[in-house]
Amino acid sequence: MGGANDEASLRKLLERLQEDLEELEEEKVFTLSQTGLHVTGGAVKKFEADLRGLKERIKDVEEQLRQCRG
């Protein structure tokens, strides 16, 4: 890796992942705050796993960006 195109695509990917993370966090809060809705433990674990996966992906992309900058 290493060109400006790589860095630009990584920046776009990072932005998209951060937006996805924000949306998922909002969805989790909304879903769990519904008083009339029973949320299973499995659903909560899935939210947590999805959030953790997105955060790890964001870290990976940030690291790749650091490497592009040298």
Protein backbone atom coordinates (compact mmCIF):
# COMPACT_ATOMS: atom_id res chain seq x y z
CA MET A 1 0.00 0.00 0.00
CA GLY A 2 1.05 3.54 -0.08
CA GLY A 3 -0.44 5.98 -2.55
CA ALA A 4 -2.76 8.90 -2.17
CA ASN A 5 -5.55 6.76 -3.61
CA ASP A 6 -5.01 4.15 -0.90
CA GLU A 7 -5.12 6.80 1.79
CA ALA A 8 -8.24 8.39 0.31
CA SER A 9 -10.04 5.05 0.12
CA LEU A 10 -9.02 4.22 3.68
CA ARG A 11 -10.34 7.60 4.84
CA LYS A 12 -13.68 6.93 3.10
CA LEU A 13 -13.84 3.46 4.64
CA LEU A 14 -13.05 4.87 8.09
CA GLU A 15 -15.76 7.50 7.72
CA ARG A 16 -18.30 4.87 6.68
CA LEU A 17 -17.36 2.57 9.55
CA GLN A 18 -17.66 5.43 12.05
CA GLU A 19 -21.11 6.27 10.66
CA ASP A 20 -22.13 2.60 10.89
CA LEU A 21 -20.92 2.50 14.50
CA GLU A 22 -22.89 5.61 15.40
CA GLU A 23 -26.04 4.22 13.77
CA LEU A 24 -25.68 0.88 15.52
CA GLU A 25 -25.16 2.55 18.89
CA GLU A 26 -28.29 4.66 18.32
CA GLU A 27 -30.26 1.57 17.27
CA LYS A 28 -29.12 -0.29 20.39
CA VAL A 29 -30.13 2.57 22.69
CA PHE A 30 -33.49 2.94 20.95
CA THR A 31 -34.21 -0.80 21.00
CA LEU A 32 -33.21 -1.30 24.62
CA SER A 33 -35.14 1.76 25.79
CA GLN A 34 -38.48 0.51 24.44
CA THR A 35 -40.50 -0.27 27.55
CA GLY A 36 -43.08 -2.44 25.77
CA LEU A 37 -40.54 -4.48 23.87
CA HIS A 38 -38.91 -7.58 25.29
CA VAL A 39 -35.34 -7.84 24.08
CA THR A 40 -33.70 -11.22 24.42
CA GLY A 41 -30.26 -11.69 25.88
CA GLY A 42 -29.17 -13.01 22.51
CA ALA A 43 -30.17 -9.74 20.84
CA VAL A 44 -28.19 -7.75 23.40
CA LYS A 45 -25.15 -10.00 22.86
CA LYS A 46 -25.49 -9.54 19.10
CA PHE A 47 -25.50 -5.75 19.50
CA GLU A 48 -22.39 -6.00 21.68
CA ALA A 49 -20.62 -8.32 19.25
CA ASP A 50 -21.48 -6.10 16.29
CA LEU A 51 -20.28 -2.99 18.13
CA ARG A 52 -17.06 -4.71 19.16
CA GLY A 53 -16.46 -5.87 15.58
CA LEU A 54 -16.97 -2.38 14.18
CA LYS A 55 -14.65 -0.85 16.78
CA GLU A 56 -11.95 -3.41 15.93
CA ARG A 57 -12.37 -2.70 12.23
CA ILE A 58 -12.05 1.05 12.88
CA LYS A 59 -8.81 0.44 14.81
CA ASP A 60 -7.44 -1.63 11.93
CA VAL A 61 -8.23 1.06 9.37
CA GLU A 62 -6.75 3.77 11.59
CA GLU A 63 -3.56 1.71 11.85
CA GLN A 64 -3.43 1.29 8.08
CA LEU A 65 -3.81 5.06 7.70
CA ARG A 66 -0.90 5.62 10.09
CA GLN A 67 1.22 3.27 8.00
CA CYS A 68 0.30 5.14 4.81
CA ARG A 69 1.54 8.36 6.31
CA GLY A 70 4.79 6.70 7.20
